[in-house]
Amino acid sequence: MLFSSVVFLFTFLPVVLILYYLSPRPLKNIVVLIGSLIFYAWGEPVYIFLMVFSILFNYVSGLDIARNLGDKEKAWKSLRFNIVVNLCILGFFKYEGFVLGSINAVLPVNIPYRELPLPIGISFYTFQILSYIIDVYRGDVKVQKNLLDFAVYVTMFPQLIAGPIVQYADIDRQLHVRKETVENFGEGVLFFIRGLSKKILLANAIGTVFDHVFSMEPAQVSVLTAWLGCAAYTFQIYFDFSGYSDMAIGLGKMFGFEFKRNFFYPYVAKSITEFWRRWHISLSTWFRDYVYIPLGGNRVSKGKHVRNIMVVWMLTGLWHGAAWNFVMWGLYYGILLLIEKYILAEALDKAPAVICHLYCLVLVMIGWVFFFSPSFGSAVNYLGLMFGVGGHGIADRQGLYILATNGLMWLILILGSTPAVHNVYEKIIYGAKRSNTAVNCVVYAALFFLCVAYLVTESYNPFLYFRF
């Protein structure tokens, strides 16, 4: 089930909210759990059994680790067993075809395999579970003895499918002590409508430009057209994924939960290092806390620091997808971060801001080519088109047409990628002597009805990060 669907907006969500607010406090988590399981099973009923197994296995595993904390050897063995099982489940569904296909391509063998449909959200909820298990082992959180509360943490539908990745420590208390207020609910609605508008009115609209360019024959693509296609995807993935995160945060507020921000205007960054402090913050935080710091972080020798960065970014690439283009995408960012750390840091500090912005944006766009391409070879070919290899010249009528006919859209996307529009709007609505609440309601109602009008005639439009 999609947030951006008529059945979710006008059936599922209203019913769950009504039942939630009519239920007494002890039953509210039951409503959230049942609603979450129905939400997950809507499109993939078979994988509900995998979800239930993950809940029961990790609940018992957490209890076992906590019981053995007095004996570090036993606790460590229990932790290792849990991590191996969770990663094997993730690896089987996500990486079996990639591993066996790579072996078949390299070695003179032909190992048969069947690629299974990827359980939606498995990368996200696996990392959430691991954060809980590792934190219990470290003693950073107390073990959750209430199976219902633990199941709600794993399955919570607002962020189950595509994040943000909620670490257990951030939500532990909220699972059993939280307060729903009219103010929070209203703020949640605004967050949700903003996210829905990003997805429907911006990401889907510019996505058609990318689809058109990417479907063209390479010989027909000029340098200008190739860069415009890449720019279209750059905006599409930002407004699509940040839109989902805004909707998740908004839904959480409606049910009394507070999730941390997952995006903070990443395209205004002046370096790749800053970009990754602003993009998919929950994933960067997870790898920092559970991989980078345990490896030693930057408090080690230069050689080990290089190793730590490359390990983290290779894993980050693999987390996003089981293909060599994702591995290269991760290594690409690892190399860039090391170059900034050891070579460009001083130069970036002294360079004009506009140069730094352009430098960062161009490198990010190049990175997205590895991301949207179906294979590493396809990525290399598209990059060739962007730099004048094998295409249709520097500029042509097709590129100029795409640029001109979407002029207003490009302007809206550029402004929407910065805090300027939001800051000006907030100042107009809330900065005056009298709050323009009525105007605010009208604006958001108009955005909502525009989204619904689009959805009524639109076909299936999943979020890009659903495949991860």
Protein backbone atom coordinates (compact mmCIF):
# COMPACT_ATOMS: atom_id res chain seq x y z
CA MET A 1 0.00 0.00 0.00
CA LEU A 2 1.28 3.45 -0.89
CA PHE A 3 0.90 6.67 1.10
CA SER A 4 0.24 8.32 -2.24
CA SER A 5 -2.84 6.27 -3.07
CA VAL A 6 -6.56 6.89 -2.81
CA VAL A 7 -7.15 3.73 -0.76
CA PHE A 8 -4.59 4.83 1.85
CA LEU A 9 -5.78 8.44 2.05
CA PHE A 10 -9.50 7.79 2.18
CA THR A 11 -9.85 4.31 3.67
CA PHE A 12 -6.88 2.90 5.54
CA LEU A 13 -5.59 6.03 7.30
CA PRO A 14 -9.00 7.41 8.42
CA VAL A 15 -10.08 4.01 9.78
CA VAL A 16 -6.83 3.44 11.70
CA LEU A 17 -6.87 6.99 13.12
CA ILE A 18 -10.49 6.70 14.25
CA LEU A 19 -9.86 3.34 15.93
CA TYR A 20 -6.65 4.67 17.50
CA TYR A 21 -8.23 7.75 19.06
CA LEU A 22 -11.33 5.88 20.19
CA SER A 23 -9.24 3.19 21.90
CA PRO A 24 -8.18 3.48 25.54
CA ARG A 25 -4.46 3.92 26.21
CA PRO A 26 -3.68 0.20 26.76
CA LEU A 27 -5.15 -0.69 23.35
CA LYS A 28 -3.54 2.03 21.23
CA ASN A 29 -0.40 0.02 20.45
CA ILE A 30 -2.56 -2.94 19.44
CA VAL A 31 -4.33 -0.72 16.91
CA VAL A 32 -0.98 0.50 15.53
CA LEU A 33 0.35 -3.07 15.30
CA ILE A 34 -2.71 -4.51 13.56
CA GLY A 35 -2.84 -1.54 11.21
CA SER A 36 0.87 -1.93 10.42
CA LEU A 37 0.57 -5.64 9.67
CA ILE A 38 -2.40 -5.02 7.38
CA PHE A 39 -0.49 -2.20 5.68
CA TYR A 40 2.52 -4.45 5.08
CA ALA A 41 0.49 -7.46 3.98
CA TRP A 42 -1.59 -5.41 1.54
CA GLY A 43 0.83 -5.88 -1.32
CA GLU A 44 2.91 -8.85 -0.11
CA PRO A 45 0.79 -11.15 2.10
CA VAL A 46 3.35 -13.99 1.92
CA TYR A 47 6.10 -11.92 3.53
CA ILE A 48 3.99 -11.23 6.60
CA PHE A 49 5.27 -14.58 7.91
CA LEU A 50 8.85 -13.34 7.48
CA MET A 51 7.93 -10.21 9.42
CA VAL A 52 6.38 -12.22 12.26
CA PHE A 53 9.45 -14.48 12.41
CA SER A 54 11.75 -11.44 12.60
CA ILE A 55 9.70 -10.00 15.46
CA LEU A 56 9.67 -13.23 17.50
CA PHE A 57 13.29 -14.18 16.82
CA ASN A 58 14.70 -10.77 17.68
CA TYR A 59 12.47 -10.35 20.71
CA VAL A 60 13.77 -13.64 22.18
CA SER A 61 17.32 -12.83 21.08
CA GLY A 62 17.20 -9.48 22.87
CA LEU A 63 16.06 -11.18 26.07
CA ASP A 64 18.84 -13.75 25.76
CA ILE A 65 21.53 -11.10 25.29
CA ALA A 66 20.24 -9.08 28.24
CA ARG A 67 20.15 -12.17 30.44
CA ASN A 68 23.79 -12.94 29.63
CA LEU A 69 25.22 -9.43 29.99
CA GLY A 70 26.97 -10.56 33.15
CA ASP A 71 28.88 -13.08 31.06
CA LYS A 72 30.35 -11.13 28.15
CA GLU A 73 31.40 -14.27 26.26
CA LYS A 74 27.86 -15.68 26.22
CA ALA A 75 26.36 -12.29 25.38
CA TRP A 76 28.85 -11.85 22.52
CA LYS A 77 28.02 -15.30 21.11
CA SER A 78 24.32 -14.50 21.27
CA LEU A 79 24.88 -11.16 19.55
CA ARG A 80 26.95 -12.75 16.77
CA PHE A 81 24.30 -15.42 16.21
CA ASN A 82 21.59 -12.77 15.97
CA ILE A 83 23.55 -10.60 13.53
CA VAL A 84 24.37 -13.61 11.35
CA VAL A 85 20.72 -14.71 11.18
CA ASN A 86 19.45 -11.20 10.38
CA LEU A 87 22.09 -10.60 7.74
CA CYS A 88 21.54 -14.06 6.22
CA ILE A 89 17.83 -13.31 5.83
CA LEU A 90 18.62 -9.95 4.25
CA GLY A 91 21.35 -11.48 2.11
CA PHE A 92 19.22 -14.38 0.89
CA PHE A 93 16.40 -12.19 -0.40
CA LYS A 94 18.51 -9.26 -1.57
CA TYR A 95 21.89 -10.60 -2.66
CA GLU A 96 21.47 -14.26 -3.68
CA GLY A 97 20.98 -13.44 -7.36
CA PHE A 98 23.80 -10.88 -7.34
CA VAL A 99 26.32 -13.25 -5.74
CA LEU A 100 25.46 -16.32 -7.82
CA GLY A 101 25.17 -14.27 -11.00
CA SER A 102 28.62 -12.78 -10.39
CA ILE A 103 30.08 -16.25 -9.75
CA ASN A 104 28.51 -17.59 -12.94
CA ALA A 105 29.96 -14.64 -14.88
CA VAL A 106 33.51 -15.06 -13.54
CA LEU A 107 33.88 -18.84 -13.16
CA PRO A 108 33.16 -21.58 -15.71
CA VAL A 109 30.04 -22.69 -13.82
CA ASN A 110 26.33 -22.21 -14.16
CA ILE A 111 24.77 -22.33 -10.70
CA PRO A 112 20.99 -22.16 -11.12
CA TYR A 113 19.08 -19.72 -8.94
CA ARG A 114 15.70 -18.09 -8.78
CA GLU A 115 15.46 -14.39 -8.01
CA LEU A 116 12.79 -13.87 -5.38
CA PRO A 117 10.75 -10.67 -5.09
CA LEU A 118 12.44 -8.44 -2.53
CA PRO A 119 10.36 -8.03 0.65
CA ILE A 120 9.48 -4.34 0.73
CA GLY A 121 11.37 -2.41 3.39
CA ILE A 122 13.57 -5.34 4.46
CA SER A 123 16.73 -3.21 4.39
CA PHE A 124 15.11 -0.60 6.62
CA TYR A 125 13.53 -2.82 9.26
CA THR A 126 16.59 -5.10 9.40
CA PHE A 127 18.77 -2.12 10.30
CA GLN A 128 16.23 -0.98 12.89
CA ILE A 129 16.27 -4.41 14.50
CA LEU A 130 20.07 -4.51 14.52
CA SER A 131 20.22 -1.10 16.21
CA TYR A 132 18.06 -2.50 19.02
CA ILE A 133 20.03 -5.73 19.42
CA ILE A 134 23.43 -4.00 19.40
CA ASP A 135 22.26 -1.30 21.84
CA VAL A 136 20.99 -3.97 24.24
CA TYR A 137 24.38 -5.68 24.08
CA ARG A 138 26.19 -2.40 24.67
CA GLY A 139 23.93 -1.59 27.59
CA ASP A 140 22.80 1.63 25.91
CA VAL A 141 19.11 0.64 26.18
CA LYS A 142 17.15 -1.68 28.40
CA VAL A 143 15.80 -4.83 26.82
CA GLN A 144 12.17 -4.59 25.72
CA LYS A 145 10.22 -7.20 27.67
CA ASN A 146 6.86 -6.26 26.22
CA LEU A 147 6.40 -8.20 22.97
CA LEU A 148 3.64 -5.85 21.79
CA ASP A 149 5.83 -2.76 22.17
CA PHE A 150 8.71 -4.47 20.38
CA ALA A 151 6.42 -5.55 17.52
CA VAL A 152 5.17 -1.97 17.15
CA TYR A 153 8.77 -0.75 16.92
CA VAL A 154 9.58 -3.21 14.12
CA THR A 155 6.39 -2.85 12.10
CA MET A 156 5.28 0.76 12.60
CA PHE A 157 3.71 1.53 9.23
CA PRO A 158 4.61 5.26 8.93
CA GLN A 159 8.30 4.43 8.43
CA LEU A 160 8.27 0.67 7.79
CA ILE A 161 8.66 0.73 4.02
CA ALA A 162 11.30 3.39 3.31
CA GLY A 163 12.44 4.90 6.57
CA PRO A 164 13.62 6.99 8.18
CA ILE A 165 15.61 4.32 10.04
CA VAL A 166 14.50 4.83 13.63
CA GLN A 167 17.05 3.71 16.20
CA TYR A 168 15.47 2.04 19.20
CA ALA A 169 17.08 4.46 21.67
CA ASP A 170 15.20 7.35 20.03
CA ILE A 171 11.79 5.76 20.43
CA ASP A 172 12.07 3.50 23.46
CA ARG A 173 10.09 5.74 25.82
CA GLN A 174 7.54 6.72 23.16
CA LEU A 175 6.49 3.10 22.69
CA HIS A 176 4.71 3.12 26.03
CA VAL A 177 4.62 6.80 27.10
CA ARG A 178 3.50 9.40 24.58
CA LYS A 179 0.92 12.15 24.40
CA GLU A 180 -1.27 12.94 21.43
CA THR A 181 -2.23 16.62 21.10
CA VAL A 182 -4.26 18.69 18.67
CA GLU A 183 -1.16 20.78 17.92
CA ASN A 184 0.97 17.73 17.12
CA PHE A 185 -1.78 16.21 15.01
CA GLY A 186 -2.17 19.43 13.03
CA GLU A 187 1.58 19.68 12.53
CA GLY A 188 1.59 16.07 11.39
CA VAL A 189 -1.08 16.81 8.78
CA LEU A 190 1.01 19.70 7.44
CA PHE A 191 4.11 17.51 7.24
CA PHE A 192 2.13 14.81 5.46
CA ILE A 193 0.61 17.15 2.89
CA ARG A 194 4.02 18.74 2.22
CA GLY A 195 5.52 15.31 1.63
CA LEU A 196 2.59 14.21 -0.54
CA SER A 197 2.95 17.36 -2.64
CA LYS A 198 6.69 16.76 -3.08
CA LYS A 199 5.99 13.26 -4.34
CA ILE A 200 2.93 13.89 -6.52
CA LEU A 201 3.36 17.42 -7.83
CA LEU A 202 7.15 17.58 -8.12
CA ALA A 203 8.87 14.17 -8.16
CA ASN A 204 6.32 12.48 -10.43
CA ALA A 205 6.20 15.47 -12.78
CA ILE A 206 9.95 15.78 -13.33
CA GLY A 207 10.23 11.98 -13.37
CA THR A 208 8.50 11.96 -16.76
CA VAL A 209 11.36 14.06 -18.15
CA PHE A 210 13.94 11.62 -16.85
CA ASP A 211 11.99 8.63 -18.19
CA HIS A 212 11.79 10.25 -21.61
CA VAL A 213 15.53 11.01 -21.79
CA PHE A 214 16.60 7.63 -20.41
CA SER A 215 14.44 5.79 -22.96
CA MET A 216 16.04 7.60 -25.92
CA GLU A 217 18.54 5.89 -28.19
CA PRO A 218 22.09 6.92 -27.12
CA ALA A 219 22.89 8.20 -30.60
CA GLN A 220 20.01 10.70 -30.27
CA VAL A 221 21.15 12.12 -26.89
CA SER A 222 23.20 15.31 -26.89
CA VAL A 223 25.39 16.43 -24.00
CA LEU A 224 22.73 18.98 -23.00
CA THR A 225 19.97 16.36 -23.09
CA ALA A 226 22.03 13.88 -21.05
CA TRP A 227 22.73 16.48 -18.35
CA LEU A 228 19.07 17.53 -18.29
CA GLY A 229 18.03 13.89 -17.86
CA CYS A 230 20.48 13.53 -14.99
CA ALA A 231 19.24 16.81 -13.46
CA ALA A 232 15.66 15.54 -13.71
CA TYR A 233 16.56 12.40 -11.77
CA THR A 234 18.54 14.48 -9.26
CA PHE A 235 15.39 16.42 -8.43
CA GLN A 236 13.10 13.40 -8.72
CA ILE A 237 14.90 11.26 -6.17
CA TYR A 238 15.21 14.15 -3.71
CA PHE A 239 11.55 15.17 -3.79
CA ASP A 240 10.42 11.53 -3.93
CA PHE A 241 12.48 10.29 -0.98
CA SER A 242 12.33 13.43 1.17
CA GLY A 243 8.61 13.54 0.43
CA TYR A 244 8.19 10.02 1.80
CA SER A 245 10.23 10.94 4.88
CA ASP A 246 8.08 14.03 5.48
CA MET A 247 4.94 11.90 5.21
CA ALA A 248 6.40 9.36 7.64
CA ILE A 249 7.29 12.08 10.14
CA GLY A 250 3.81 13.57 9.74
CA LEU A 251 2.07 10.24 10.27
CA GLY A 252 4.22 9.62 13.33
CA LYS A 253 3.09 12.93 14.82
CA MET A 254 -0.55 12.00 14.21
CA PHE A 255 -0.03 8.92 16.40
CA GLY A 256 2.03 10.72 19.03
CA PHE A 257 5.50 9.65 17.82
CA GLU A 258 8.43 11.93 17.06
CA PHE A 259 10.84 10.81 14.33
CA LYS A 260 14.05 12.66 13.57
CA ARG A 261 14.53 14.64 10.37
CA ASN A 262 15.91 12.59 7.48
CA PHE A 263 16.73 15.38 5.00
CA PHE A 264 17.96 18.93 5.48
CA TYR A 265 18.20 20.59 2.06
CA PRO A 266 21.14 18.46 0.83
CA TYR A 267 21.49 20.27 -2.50
CA VAL A 268 22.63 23.48 -0.80
CA ALA A 269 25.72 21.66 0.50
CA LYS A 270 29.15 23.06 -0.35
CA SER A 271 31.01 19.76 -0.11
CA ILE A 272 30.34 16.04 -0.38
CA THR A 273 31.01 15.74 3.36
CA GLU A 274 28.28 18.28 4.06
CA PHE A 275 25.96 16.65 1.54
CA TRP A 276 26.03 13.39 3.50
CA ARG A 277 25.23 15.24 6.70
CA ARG A 278 22.05 16.43 5.01
CA TRP A 279 20.98 13.47 2.82
CA HIS A 280 19.33 10.34 4.29
CA ILE A 281 20.55 11.37 7.74
CA SER A 282 19.18 8.28 9.48
CA LEU A 283 21.24 5.93 7.26
CA SER A 284 24.43 7.96 7.64
CA THR A 285 23.88 8.01 11.41
CA TRP A 286 23.32 4.25 11.49
CA PHE A 287 26.55 3.46 9.64
CA ARG A 288 28.44 5.94 11.81
CA ASP A 289 27.16 4.45 15.08
CA TYR A 290 27.28 0.75 14.21
CA VAL A 291 30.10 0.40 11.66
CA TYR A 292 32.38 3.44 11.38
CA ILE A 293 32.92 4.17 15.10
CA PRO A 294 33.28 0.47 16.09
CA LEU A 295 36.00 0.18 13.41
CA GLY A 296 37.83 3.07 15.07
CA GLY A 297 36.37 6.02 13.22
CA ASN A 298 38.99 8.70 12.54
CA ARG A 299 40.85 8.12 15.81
CA VAL A 300 43.22 5.69 14.14
CA SER A 301 46.16 5.84 11.77
CA LYS A 302 45.64 7.33 8.33
CA GLY A 303 45.77 3.89 6.71
CA LYS A 304 43.10 2.49 9.01
CA HIS A 305 40.96 5.58 8.56
CA VAL A 306 41.06 5.09 4.79
CA ARG A 307 40.06 1.47 5.36
CA ASN A 308 37.19 2.48 7.65
CA ILE A 309 35.80 4.98 5.15
CA MET A 310 35.99 2.56 2.23
CA VAL A 311 34.40 -0.30 4.20
CA VAL A 312 31.52 1.92 5.29
CA TRP A 313 30.87 3.22 1.78
CA MET A 314 31.16 -0.13 0.09
CA LEU A 315 28.54 -1.41 2.55
CA THR A 316 26.44 1.71 1.96
CA GLY A 317 26.47 1.00 -1.76
CA LEU A 318 25.53 -2.66 -1.23
CA TRP A 319 22.75 -1.65 1.17
CA HIS A 320 21.16 0.35 -1.62
CA GLY A 321 21.20 -2.43 -4.17
CA ALA A 322 22.60 -5.79 -5.19
CA ALA A 323 24.48 -4.71 -8.31
CA TRP A 324 27.97 -3.56 -9.22
CA ASN A 325 26.79 -0.06 -10.10
CA PHE A 326 25.67 0.39 -6.47
CA VAL A 327 29.02 -0.91 -5.22
CA MET A 328 30.77 1.61 -7.47
CA TRP A 329 28.40 4.34 -6.29
CA GLY A 330 29.42 3.65 -2.69
CA LEU A 331 33.15 3.48 -3.49
CA TYR A 332 32.83 6.68 -5.55
CA TYR A 333 31.59 8.55 -2.47
CA GLY A 334 34.18 6.91 -0.24
CA ILE A 335 36.96 8.15 -2.53
CA LEU A 336 35.45 11.66 -2.73
CA LEU A 337 35.20 11.93 1.04
CA LEU A 338 38.82 10.86 1.45
CA ILE A 339 39.95 13.38 -1.17
CA GLU A 340 38.07 16.13 0.65
CA LYS A 341 39.50 15.06 4.01
CA TYR A 342 43.14 14.83 3.00
CA ILE A 343 43.52 17.02 -0.10
CA LEU A 344 40.73 19.54 -0.70
CA ALA A 345 39.67 20.58 2.81
CA GLU A 346 41.68 23.82 2.90
CA ALA A 347 40.84 24.74 -0.70
CA LEU A 348 37.10 24.25 -0.12
CA ASP A 349 37.23 26.44 2.98
CA LYS A 350 38.79 29.29 0.99
CA ALA A 351 36.84 28.93 -2.28
CA PRO A 352 33.79 31.15 -3.02
CA ALA A 353 30.50 29.59 -1.89
CA VAL A 354 29.07 29.46 -5.43
CA ILE A 355 32.09 27.46 -6.65
CA CYS A 356 31.72 25.02 -3.77
CA HIS A 357 27.99 24.58 -4.49
CA LEU A 358 28.64 23.87 -8.17
CA TYR A 359 31.50 21.51 -7.34
CA CYS A 360 29.29 19.52 -4.95
CA LEU A 361 26.23 19.48 -7.20
CA VAL A 362 28.13 18.27 -10.28
CA LEU A 363 29.74 15.42 -8.31
CA VAL A 364 26.40 14.43 -6.78
CA MET A 365 24.77 14.38 -10.22
CA ILE A 366 27.55 12.16 -11.56
CA GLY A 367 26.96 9.87 -8.58
CA TRP A 368 23.25 9.58 -9.40
CA VAL A 369 24.15 8.11 -12.80
CA PHE A 370 25.50 5.00 -11.04
CA PHE A 371 22.32 5.00 -8.97
CA PHE A 372 19.68 5.17 -11.70
CA SER A 373 21.47 2.95 -14.24
CA PRO A 374 20.43 -0.73 -14.40
CA SER A 375 24.07 -1.86 -14.59
CA PHE A 376 27.62 -0.58 -14.26
CA GLY A 377 28.08 -0.72 -18.04
CA SER A 378 24.94 1.31 -18.56
CA ALA A 379 26.22 3.92 -16.09
CA VAL A 380 29.53 4.21 -17.94
CA ASN A 381 27.69 4.65 -21.25
CA TYR A 382 25.43 7.38 -19.84
CA LEU A 383 28.40 9.20 -18.30
CA GLY A 384 30.00 9.05 -21.75
CA LEU A 385 26.95 10.84 -23.20
CA MET A 386 27.19 13.52 -20.51
CA PHE A 387 30.78 14.21 -21.53
CA GLY A 388 30.32 14.05 -25.28
CA VAL A 389 31.20 10.44 -26.06
CA GLY A 390 28.99 8.68 -28.61
CA GLY A 391 26.07 11.07 -28.47
CA HIS A 392 24.39 13.69 -30.63
CA GLY A 393 26.71 16.66 -30.23
CA ILE A 394 26.82 19.31 -27.52
CA ALA A 395 23.25 20.60 -27.87
CA ASP A 396 20.31 19.89 -30.14
CA ARG A 397 16.66 20.81 -30.56
CA GLN A 398 15.58 17.98 -28.27
CA GLY A 399 17.66 19.30 -25.36
CA LEU A 400 16.60 22.90 -25.94
CA TYR A 401 12.95 21.78 -26.11
CA ILE A 402 13.22 19.91 -22.78
CA LEU A 403 14.91 22.93 -21.22
CA ALA A 404 12.40 25.48 -22.51
CA THR A 405 9.12 23.59 -22.09
CA ASN A 406 9.93 22.74 -18.48
CA GLY A 407 11.37 26.15 -17.60
CA LEU A 408 8.87 26.94 -14.84
CA MET A 409 9.23 23.43 -13.42
CA TRP A 410 13.04 23.75 -13.28
CA LEU A 411 12.68 27.04 -11.40
CA ILE A 412 10.22 25.57 -8.89
CA LEU A 413 12.45 22.55 -8.32
CA ILE A 414 15.55 24.68 -7.79
CA LEU A 415 13.80 26.97 -5.30
CA GLY A 416 12.11 24.04 -3.59
CA SER A 417 15.49 22.41 -3.02
CA THR A 418 16.57 25.35 -0.86
CA PRO A 419 15.15 26.59 2.46
CA ALA A 420 14.22 29.94 0.84
CA VAL A 421 10.61 29.10 -0.12
CA HIS A 422 9.78 27.47 3.21
CA ASN A 423 11.40 30.28 5.21
CA VAL A 424 9.56 33.01 3.31
CA TYR A 425 6.25 31.16 3.62
CA GLU A 426 6.73 30.61 7.37
CA LYS A 427 7.55 34.28 7.83
CA ILE A 428 4.41 35.33 5.96
CA ILE A 429 2.15 32.94 7.85
CA TYR A 430 3.61 33.01 11.35
CA GLY A 431 5.89 36.06 11.38
CA ALA A 432 3.13 38.64 11.19
CA LYS A 433 1.48 40.16 14.24
CA ARG A 434 -1.56 38.04 13.53
CA SER A 435 -1.04 34.45 12.46
CA ASN A 436 -2.62 33.79 9.05
CA THR A 437 -3.97 30.40 10.08
CA ALA A 438 -6.89 30.58 7.66
CA VAL A 439 -4.57 31.30 4.74
CA ASN A 440 -2.34 28.42 5.81
CA CYS A 441 -5.30 26.04 5.86
CA VAL A 442 -6.45 27.17 2.42
CA VAL A 443 -2.97 26.70 0.93
CA TYR A 444 -2.51 23.21 2.33
CA ALA A 445 -6.09 22.22 1.43
CA ALA A 446 -5.43 23.34 -2.14
CA LEU A 447 -2.22 21.31 -2.29
CA PHE A 448 -4.04 18.25 -0.96
CA PHE A 449 -6.87 18.53 -3.49
CA LEU A 450 -4.37 18.99 -6.33
CA CYS A 451 -2.62 15.79 -5.23
CA VAL A 452 -5.90 13.88 -5.01
CA ALA A 453 -6.98 15.12 -8.43
CA TYR A 454 -3.71 13.81 -9.83
CA LEU A 455 -4.01 10.47 -8.02
CA VAL A 456 -7.53 9.80 -9.30
CA THR A 457 -6.26 9.60 -12.88
CA GLU A 458 -2.71 8.38 -12.20
CA SER A 459 -1.56 4.77 -12.35
CA TYR A 460 0.68 2.98 -9.84
CA ASN A 461 3.49 5.33 -8.75
CA PRO A 462 5.74 3.71 -6.15
CA PHE A 463 8.44 5.54 -4.25
CA LEU A 464 11.93 5.11 -5.67
CA TYR A 465 13.37 3.83 -2.39
CA PHE A 466 10.81 0.99 -2.20
CA ARG A 467 13.26 -1.20 -4.13
CA PHE A 468 15.88 -0.92 -1.39
